[in-house]
Amino acid sequence: MPKYHFEIVDGFRLEDPIGQDCGSDAQARSVAKQMARQIAEDIRRDDNDRKVIVLDDNGAEVYKAPIDDPDSNSSI
Protein backbone atom coordinates (compact mmCIF):
# COMPACT_ATOMS: atom_id res chain seq x y z
CA MET A 1 0.00 0.00 0.00
CA PRO A 2 1.46 3.42 -0.93
CA LYS A 3 2.54 5.76 1.83
CA TYR A 4 1.60 9.45 1.76
CA HIS A 5 2.94 12.30 3.86
CA PHE A 6 0.63 15.06 5.06
CA GLU A 7 2.50 18.30 5.67
CA ILE A 8 0.87 21.39 7.14
CA VAL A 9 1.77 24.87 5.89
CA ASP A 10 0.87 27.60 8.38
CA GLY A 11 3.50 30.32 8.01
CA PHE A 12 6.08 27.54 8.14
CA ARG A 13 6.01 23.93 7.02
CA LEU A 14 5.36 21.09 9.48
CA GLU A 15 6.84 17.97 7.92
CA ASP A 16 5.31 14.53 8.30
CA PRO A 17 8.30 12.17 8.53
CA ILE A 18 6.22 9.04 9.23
CA GLY A 19 3.39 9.28 6.71
CA GLN A 20 0.26 7.19 6.41
CA ASP A 21 -0.68 4.26 4.21
CA CYS A 22 -3.50 5.09 1.78
CA GLY A 23 -4.90 2.91 -0.97
CA SER A 24 -4.78 5.62 -3.66
CA ASP A 25 -4.26 9.31 -4.44
CA ALA A 26 -8.03 9.74 -4.04
CA GLN A 27 -7.95 8.34 -0.52
CA ALA A 28 -4.97 10.59 0.34
CA ARG A 29 -6.93 13.62 -0.95
CA SER A 30 -9.87 12.63 1.23
CA VAL A 31 -7.63 12.37 4.30
CA ALA A 32 -6.08 15.78 3.51
CA LYS A 33 -9.52 17.42 3.17
CA GLN A 34 -10.62 15.90 6.47
CA MET A 35 -7.43 17.12 8.17
CA ALA A 36 -7.87 20.62 6.73
CA ARG A 37 -11.49 20.82 7.95
CA GLN A 38 -10.48 19.67 11.43
CA ILE A 39 -7.63 22.19 11.65
CA ALA A 40 -9.97 24.99 10.49
CA GLU A 41 -12.47 24.07 13.21
CA ASP A 42 -9.81 23.80 15.91
CA ILE A 43 -7.83 26.92 15.02
CA ARG A 44 -9.91 29.68 13.47
CA ARG A 45 -7.85 32.26 11.61
CA ASP A 46 -8.35 34.32 8.50
CA ASP A 47 -5.20 33.21 6.67
CA ASN A 48 -5.42 32.06 3.05
CA ASP A 49 -1.92 30.55 3.04
CA ARG A 50 -2.76 27.66 5.36
CA LYS A 51 -2.97 24.26 3.68
CA VAL A 52 -2.33 20.55 4.01
CA ILE A 53 0.07 19.29 1.34
CA VAL A 54 0.07 15.61 0.35
CA LEU A 55 3.33 14.07 -0.84
CA ASP A 56 3.68 10.54 -2.15
CA ASP A 57 6.46 8.29 -0.88
CA ASN A 58 8.78 9.66 -3.60
CA GLY A 59 8.30 13.22 -2.34
CA ALA A 60 6.13 14.32 -5.28
CA GLU A 61 3.25 16.64 -4.42
CA VAL A 62 -0.09 14.93 -5.04
CA TYR A 63 -2.60 17.44 -3.65
CA LYS A 64 -3.09 20.65 -1.65
CA ALA A 65 -6.09 21.07 0.64
CA PRO A 66 -6.67 24.68 1.72
CA ILE A 67 -7.47 25.22 5.38
CA ASP A 68 -10.57 27.42 5.19
CA ASP A 69 -12.73 28.97 7.86
CA PRO A 70 -15.50 26.38 8.30
CA ASP A 71 -18.06 29.19 8.46
CA SER A 72 -17.08 30.52 5.02
CA ASN A 73 -18.91 29.51 1.84
CA SER A 74 -15.82 28.09 0.12
CA SER A 75 -15.41 24.37 -0.15
CA ILE A 76 -12.33 22.21 0.03
C-alpha atoms as a PDB file:
ATOM      1  CA  MET A   1       0.000   0.000   0.000  1.00  0.00           C
ATOM      2  CA  PRO A   2       1.457   3.418  -0.934  1.00  0.00           C
ATOM      3  CA  LYS A   3       2.544   5.759   1.834  1.00  0.00           C
ATOM      4  CA  TYR A   4       1.596   9.453   1.757  1.00  0.00           C
ATOM      5  CA  HIS A   5       2.943  12.298   3.858  1.00  0.00           C
ATOM      6  CA  PHE A   6       0.633  15.062   5.061  1.00  0.00           C
ATOM      7  CA  GLU A   7       2.501  18.304   5.671  1.00  0.00           C
ATOM      8  CA  ILE A   8       0.867  21.390   7.142  1.00  0.00           C
ATOM      9  CA  VAL A   9       1.773  24.868   5.892  1.00  0.00           C
ATOM     10  CA  ASP A  10       0.872  27.604   8.375  1.00  0.00           C
ATOM     11  CA  GLY A  11       3.500  30.316   8.005  1.00  0.00           C
ATOM     12  CA  PHE A  12       6.082  27.537   8.141  1.00  0.00           C
ATOM     13  CA  ARG A  13       6.013  23.930   7.018  1.00  0.00           C
ATOM     14  CA  LEU A  14       5.363  21.093   9.479  1.00  0.00           C
ATOM     15  CA  GLU A  15       6.839  17.970   7.920  1.00  0.00           C
ATOM     16  CA  ASP A  16       5.306  14.534   8.300  1.00  0.00           C
ATOM     17  CA  PRO A  17       8.302  12.167   8.525  1.00  0.00           C
ATOM     18  CA  ILE A  18       6.223   9.043   9.235  1.00  0.00           C
ATOM     19  CA  GLY A  19       3.390   9.282   6.715  1.00  0.00           C
ATOM     20  CA  GLN A  20       0.256   7.185   6.412  1.00  0.00           C
ATOM     21  CA  ASP A  21      -0.685   4.257   4.206  1.00  0.00           C
ATOM     22  CA  CYS A  22      -3.500   5.092   1.775  1.00  0.00           C
ATOM     23  CA  GLY A  23      -4.901   2.913  -0.970  1.00  0.00           C
ATOM     24  CA  SER A  24      -4.775   5.619  -3.656  1.00  0.00           C
ATOM     25  CA  ASP A  25      -4.255   9.310  -4.436  1.00  0.00           C
ATOM     26  CA  ALA A  26      -8.027   9.745  -4.036  1.00  0.00           C
ATOM     27  CA  GLN A  27      -7.954   8.343  -0.517  1.00  0.00           C
ATOM     28  CA  ALA A  28      -4.973  10.595   0.340  1.00  0.00           C
ATOM     29  CA  ARG A  29      -6.932  13.622  -0.950  1.00  0.00           C
ATOM     30  CA  SER A  30      -9.874  12.631   1.231  1.00  0.00           C
ATOM     31  CA  VAL A  31      -7.628  12.368   4.296  1.00  0.00           C
ATOM     32  CA  ALA A  32      -6.083  15.785   3.510  1.00  0.00           C
ATOM     33  CA  LYS A  33      -9.516  17.415   3.166  1.00  0.00           C
ATOM     34  CA  GLN A  34     -10.618  15.903   6.467  1.00  0.00           C
ATOM     35  CA  MET A  35      -7.431  17.121   8.174  1.00  0.00           C
ATOM     36  CA  ALA A  36      -7.873  20.625   6.732  1.00  0.00           C
ATOM     37  CA  ARG A  37     -11.486  20.817   7.949  1.00  0.00           C
ATOM     38  CA  GLN A  38     -10.478  19.672  11.435  1.00  0.00           C
ATOM     39  CA  ILE A  39      -7.632  22.187  11.648  1.00  0.00           C
ATOM     40  CA  ALA A  40      -9.966  24.987  10.492  1.00  0.00           C
ATOM     41  CA  GLU A  41     -12.471  24.072  13.205  1.00  0.00           C
ATOM     42  CA  ASP A  42      -9.811  23.795  15.914  1.00  0.00           C
ATOM     43  CA  ILE A  43      -7.835  26.920  15.017  1.00  0.00           C
ATOM     44  CA  ARG A  44      -9.915  29.685  13.475  1.00  0.00           C
ATOM     45  CA  ARG A  45      -7.847  32.264  11.610  1.00  0.00           C
ATOM     46  CA  ASP A  46      -8.347  34.315   8.499  1.00  0.00           C
ATOM     47  CA  ASP A  47      -5.199  33.213   6.666  1.00  0.00           C
ATOM     48  CA  ASN A  48      -5.415  32.059   3.048  1.00  0.00           C
ATOM     49  CA  ASP A  49      -1.920  30.550   3.035  1.00  0.00           C
ATOM     50  CA  ARG A  50      -2.759  27.655   5.365  1.00  0.00           C
ATOM     51  CA  LYS A  51      -2.965  24.258   3.684  1.00  0.00           C
ATOM     52  CA  VAL A  52      -2.329  20.546   4.006  1.00  0.00           C
ATOM     53  CA  ILE A  53       0.073  19.291   1.342  1.00  0.00           C
ATOM     54  CA  VAL A  54       0.067  15.615   0.352  1.00  0.00           C
ATOM     55  CA  LEU A  55       3.329  14.067  -0.835  1.00  0.00           C
ATOM     56  CA  ASP A  56       3.679  10.539  -2.153  1.00  0.00           C
ATOM     57  CA  ASP A  57       6.464   8.295  -0.882  1.00  0.00           C
ATOM     58  CA  ASN A  58       8.784   9.655  -3.597  1.00  0.00           C
ATOM     59  CA  GLY A  59       8.305  13.225  -2.343  1.00  0.00           C
ATOM     60  CA  ALA A  60       6.127  14.324  -5.281  1.00  0.00           C
ATOM     61  CA  GLU A  61       3.253  16.644  -4.421  1.00  0.00           C
ATOM     62  CA  VAL A  62      -0.087  14.927  -5.038  1.00  0.00           C
ATOM     63  CA  TYR A  63      -2.603  17.436  -3.652  1.00  0.00           C
ATOM     64  CA  LYS A  64      -3.088  20.647  -1.653  1.00  0.00           C
ATOM     65  CA  ALA A  65      -6.092  21.071   0.644  1.00  0.00           C
ATOM     66  CA  PRO A  66      -6.668  24.676   1.723  1.00  0.00           C
ATOM     67  CA  ILE A  67      -7.474  25.219   5.382  1.00  0.00           C
ATOM     68  CA  ASP A  68     -10.566  27.421   5.194  1.00  0.00           C
ATOM     69  CA  ASP A  69     -12.734  28.969   7.858  1.00  0.00           C
ATOM     70  CA  PRO A  70     -15.505  26.380   8.297  1.00  0.00           C
ATOM     71  CA  ASP A  71     -18.059  29.194   8.459  1.00  0.00           C
ATOM     72  CA  SER A  72     -17.076  30.523   5.015  1.00  0.00           C
ATOM     73  CA  ASN A  73     -18.912  29.512   1.843  1.00  0.00           C
ATOM     74  CA  SER A  74     -15.824  28.095   0.119  1.00  0.00           C
ATOM     75  CA  SER A  75     -15.406  24.369  -0.150  1.00  0.00           C
ATOM     76  CA  ILE A  76     -12.329  22.213   0.027  1.00  0.00           C
END
